[in-house]
C-alpha atoms as a PDB file:
ATOM      1  CA  MET A   1     113.775-166.796  65.416  1.00  0.00           C
ATOM      2  CA  MET A   2     115.778-163.605  64.917  1.00  0.00           C
ATOM      3  CA  PRO A   3     118.645-162.991  67.536  1.00  0.00           C
ATOM      4  CA  LEU A   4     117.948-159.972  69.624  1.00  0.00           C
ATOM      5  CA  GLY A   5     121.297-158.454  68.770  1.00  0.00           C
ATOM      6  CA  THR A   6     124.959-158.731  70.230  1.00  0.00           C
ATOM      7  CA  GLN A   7     125.751-157.726  73.706  1.00  0.00           C
ATOM      8  CA  GLN A   8     127.768-154.855  71.913  1.00  0.00           C
ATOM      9  CA  GLU A   9     124.656-153.576  70.099  1.00  0.00           C
ATOM     10  CA  ARG A  10     122.430-153.586  73.216  1.00  0.00           C
ATOM     11  CA  GLY A  11     124.881-151.736  75.188  1.00  0.00           C
ATOM     12  CA  PHE A  12     125.123-149.027  72.443  1.00  0.00           C
ATOM     13  CA  VAL A  13     121.450-148.415  72.335  1.00  0.00           C
ATOM     14  CA  SER A  14     121.483-148.413  76.200  1.00  0.00           C
ATOM     15  CA  VAL A  15     124.187-145.769  76.138  1.00  0.00           C
ATOM     16  CA  LEU A  16     122.283-143.666  73.403  1.00  0.00           C
ATOM     17  CA  VAL A  17     119.096-143.856  75.349  1.00  0.00           C
ATOM     18  CA  VAL A  18     120.805-142.540  78.598  1.00  0.00           C
ATOM     19  CA  LEU A  19     122.431-139.650  76.481  1.00  0.00           C
ATOM     20  CA  VAL A  20     119.115-138.711  74.944  1.00  0.00           C
ATOM     21  CA  MET A  21     117.627-138.639  78.457  1.00  0.00           C
ATOM     22  CA  LEU A  22     120.398-136.829  79.786  1.00  0.00           C
ATOM     23  CA  GLY A  23     120.260-134.147  76.955  1.00  0.00           C
ATOM     24  CA  ALA A  24     116.588-133.600  77.691  1.00  0.00           C
ATOM     25  CA  VAL A  25     117.054-133.220  81.541  1.00  0.00           C
ATOM     26  CA  VAL A  26     119.936-130.655  80.819  1.00  0.00           C
ATOM     27  CA  ALA A  27     117.400-128.866  78.371  1.00  0.00           C
ATOM     28  CA  VAL A  28     114.631-128.409  80.754  1.00  0.00           C
ATOM     29  CA  GLY A  29     117.302-127.213  83.672  1.00  0.00           C
ATOM     30  CA  LEU A  30     118.577-124.626  81.199  1.00  0.00           C
ATOM     31  CA  ALA A  31     114.972-123.429  80.483  1.00  0.00           C
ATOM     32  CA  LEU A  32     114.160-123.360  84.157  1.00  0.00           C
ATOM     33  CA  SER A  33     117.310-121.354  84.830  1.00  0.00           C
ATOM     34  CA  ASN A  34     116.753-118.909  82.302  1.00  0.00           C
ATOM     35  CA  ALA A  35     113.179-118.243  83.128  1.00  0.00           C
ATOM     36  CA  SER A  36     114.441-117.813  86.845  1.00  0.00           C
ATOM     37  CA  ILE A  37     117.150-115.157  85.515  1.00  0.00           C
ATOM     38  CA  SER A  38     114.703-113.517  83.568  1.00  0.00           C
ATOM     39  CA  GLY A  39     112.090-113.029  86.683  1.00  0.00           C
ATOM     40  CA  MET A  40     114.766-111.733  88.811  1.00  0.00           C
ATOM     41  CA  GLN A  41     115.965-109.164  86.191  1.00  0.00           C
ATOM     42  CA  HIS A  42     112.420-107.993  85.535  1.00  0.00           C
ATOM     43  CA  GLY A  43     111.892-107.530  89.494  1.00  0.00           C
ATOM     44  CA  TYR A  44     115.107-105.662  89.664  1.00  0.00           C
ATOM     45  CA  TYR A  45     114.149-103.579  86.747  1.00  0.00           C
ATOM     46  CA  SER A  46     110.800-102.866  87.953  1.00  0.00           C
ATOM     47  CA  GLN A  47     112.292-101.995  91.506  1.00  0.00           C
ATOM     48  CA  ARG A  48     114.842 -99.224  89.779  1.00  0.00           C
ATOM     49  CA  SER A  49     112.331 -98.013  87.758  1.00  0.00           C
ATOM     50  CA  GLU A  50     110.074 -97.368  90.797  1.00  0.00           C
ATOM     51  CA  VAL A  51     112.917 -95.725  92.756  1.00  0.00           C
ATOM     52  CA  ALA A  52     113.382 -93.096  89.618  1.00  0.00           C
ATOM     53  CA  THR A  53     109.646 -92.379  89.520  1.00  0.00           C
ATOM     54  CA  ASP A  54     109.600 -91.922  93.326  1.00  0.00           C
ATOM     55  CA  ALA A  55     112.622 -89.606  93.143  1.00  0.00           C
ATOM     56  CA  ALA A  56     111.179 -87.657  90.235  1.00  0.00           C
ATOM     57  CA  GLU A  57     107.831 -87.241  92.291  1.00  0.00           C
ATOM     58  CA  GLY A  58     109.749 -85.978  95.416  1.00  0.00           C
ATOM     59  CA  CYS A  59     111.562 -83.470  93.384  1.00  0.00           C
ATOM     60  CA  THR A  60     108.163 -82.280  92.029  1.00  0.00           C
ATOM     61  CA  GLU A  61     107.124 -81.550  95.410  1.00  0.00           C
ATOM     62  CA  GLU A  62     110.408 -80.044  96.154  1.00  0.00           C
ATOM     63  CA  ALA A  63     110.225 -77.551  93.218  1.00  0.00           C
ATOM     64  CA  PHE A  64     106.541 -76.640  94.566  1.00  0.00           C
ATOM     65  CA  ILE A  65     107.840 -75.985  97.942  1.00  0.00           C
ATOM     66  CA  ARG A  66     110.732 -73.833  96.689  1.00  0.00           C
ATOM     67  CA  LEU A  67     108.552 -71.710  94.519  1.00  0.00           C
ATOM     68  CA  LYS A  68     106.284 -71.170  97.419  1.00  0.00           C
ATOM     69  CA  ARG A  69     109.293 -69.599  99.462  1.00  0.00           C
ATOM     70  CA  ASN A  70     110.708 -67.952  96.479  1.00  0.00           C
ATOM     71  CA  ASN A  71     108.639 -67.525  93.551  1.00  0.00           C
ATOM     72  CA  SER A  72     111.652 -66.484  91.263  1.00  0.00           C
ATOM     73  CA  PHE A  73     113.004 -69.952  91.692  1.00  0.00           C
ATOM     74  CA  LEU A  74     114.302 -71.312  88.334  1.00  0.00           C
ATOM     75  CA  THR A  75     116.352 -74.511  88.586  1.00  0.00           C
ATOM     76  CA  THR A  76     118.329 -76.821  90.484  1.00  0.00           C
ATOM     77  CA  SER A  77     119.813 -80.299  90.814  1.00  0.00           C
ATOM     78  CA  LEU A  78     119.164 -82.677  93.554  1.00  0.00           C
ATOM     79  CA  THR A  79     120.435 -86.200  94.871  1.00  0.00           C
ATOM     80  CA  VAL A  80     117.568 -88.277  96.370  1.00  0.00           C
ATOM     81  CA  GLY A  81     119.170 -91.406  97.461  1.00  0.00           C
ATOM     82  CA  SER A  82     120.803 -93.389  94.814  1.00  0.00           C
ATOM     83  CA  SER A  83     119.163 -90.842  92.168  1.00  0.00           C
ATOM     84  CA  THR A  84     119.772 -87.470  90.961  1.00  0.00           C
ATOM     85  CA  CYS A  85     116.970 -85.300  89.572  1.00  0.00           C
ATOM     86  CA  SER A  86     116.902 -81.937  87.865  1.00  0.00           C
ATOM     87  CA  ILE A  87     114.064 -79.230  88.205  1.00  0.00           C
ATOM     88  CA  VAL A  88     113.521 -76.571  85.688  1.00  0.00           C
ATOM     89  CA  ILE A  89     110.864 -73.827  86.188  1.00  0.00           C
ATOM     90  CA  GLY A  90     110.173 -71.717  83.258  1.00  0.00           C
ATOM     91  CA  GLY A  91     107.752 -68.805  82.387  1.00  0.00           C
ATOM     92  CA  THR A  92     106.902 -65.678  84.344  1.00  0.00           C
ATOM     93  CA  ASN A  93     104.346 -65.276  86.994  1.00  0.00           C
ATOM     94  CA  PRO A  94     101.729 -66.059  87.221  1.00  0.00           C
ATOM     95  CA  ASN A  95     101.794 -68.885  84.563  1.00  0.00           C
ATOM     96  CA  ARG A  96     104.850 -71.154  85.039  1.00  0.00           C
ATOM     97  CA  THR A  97     105.960 -74.306  83.666  1.00  0.00           C
ATOM     98  CA  PHE A  98     107.820 -77.096  85.000  1.00  0.00           C
ATOM     99  CA  THR A  99     110.168 -80.065  83.959  1.00  0.00           C
ATOM    100  CA  VAL A 100     111.446 -82.339  86.574  1.00  0.00           C
ATOM    101  CA  SER A 101     113.518 -85.518  85.713  1.00  0.00           C
ATOM    102  CA  SER A 102     115.253 -87.986  87.737  1.00  0.00           C
ATOM    103  CA  THR A 103     118.084 -90.589  86.715  1.00  0.00           C
ATOM    104  CA  VAL A 104     118.543 -94.148  88.187  1.00  0.00           C
ATOM    105  CA  ASP A 105     120.759 -96.526  86.137  1.00  0.00           C
ATOM    106  CA  THR A 106     118.961 -96.222  82.794  1.00  0.00           C
ATOM    107  CA  PHE A 107     115.641 -94.894  83.949  1.00  0.00           C
ATOM    108  CA  MET A 108     114.775 -91.513  83.527  1.00  0.00           C
ATOM    109  CA  PRO A 109     111.333 -90.529  84.129  1.00  0.00           C
ATOM    110  CA  ARG A 110     110.101 -86.932  83.559  1.00  0.00           C
ATOM    111  CA  PHE A 111     107.067 -84.942  84.561  1.00  0.00           C
ATOM    112  CA  ASP A 112     105.969 -81.857  82.904  1.00  0.00           C
ATOM    113  CA  GLY A 113     103.293 -79.548  83.983  1.00  0.00           C
ATOM    114  CA  THR A 114     102.362 -75.875  84.543  1.00  0.00           C
ATOM    115  CA  LEU A 115     101.799 -73.877  87.483  1.00  0.00           C
ATOM    116  CA  THR A 116      99.986 -70.534  88.537  1.00  0.00           C
ATOM    117  CA  VAL A 117     101.893 -68.844  91.138  1.00  0.00           C
ATOM    118  CA  SER A 118     100.451 -65.800  93.113  1.00  0.00           C
ATOM    119  CA  GLY A 119     102.486 -64.724  96.121  1.00  0.00           C
ATOM    120  CA  ARG A 120     102.895 -67.811  98.182  1.00  0.00           C
ATOM    121  CA  ASN A 121     100.208 -69.611  96.656  1.00  0.00           C
ATOM    122  CA  VAL A 122     101.309 -72.229  94.121  1.00  0.00           C
ATOM    123  CA  THR A 123      98.687 -74.104  92.301  1.00  0.00           C
ATOM    124  CA  LEU A 124      99.091 -76.971  89.949  1.00  0.00           C
ATOM    125  CA  THR A 125      97.077 -76.360  86.813  1.00  0.00           C
ATOM    126  CA  ASN A 126      98.452 -79.008  84.352  1.00  0.00           C
ATOM    127  CA  TRP A 127     100.299 -82.322  85.165  1.00  0.00           C
ATOM    128  CA  ASP A 128     101.825 -84.820  82.539  1.00  0.00           C
ATOM    129  CA  PRO A 129     103.161 -87.714  84.829  1.00  0.00           C
ATOM    130  CA  TYR A 130     104.082 -89.531  81.717  1.00  0.00           C
ATOM    131  CA  ALA A 131     106.011 -87.070  79.481  1.00  0.00           C
ATOM    132  CA  GLY A 132     109.161 -89.221  79.823  1.00  0.00           C
ATOM    133  CA  PHE A 133     107.747 -92.689  79.054  1.00  0.00           C
END
């Protein structure tokens, strides 16, 4: 019959097993932590992108209102909450073009389109809501 090993050898194997198990637990913990952080970052960036898009849509509506009040309106910059946006109107009546863009952090959505302006009537004739994506 062969001896099972000395007390010292069995202790070494036990320590080695514990270290391997501890390493596995740490690896799983790090993977879960990384997944959680990635999920939070995705949520944050999704929310900031939505804020930027909403600001650009609001500025687009503001451009239409300003054109109804003054059909020679051309350009302005606005602050909408935590974002800034710019409105640029081009062309001559009745055919006008517009570009509206907003900036929130690193997100900069832009909308382009064309309008027909006749007196106080402003009609949207073309709209590209994905011009800046």
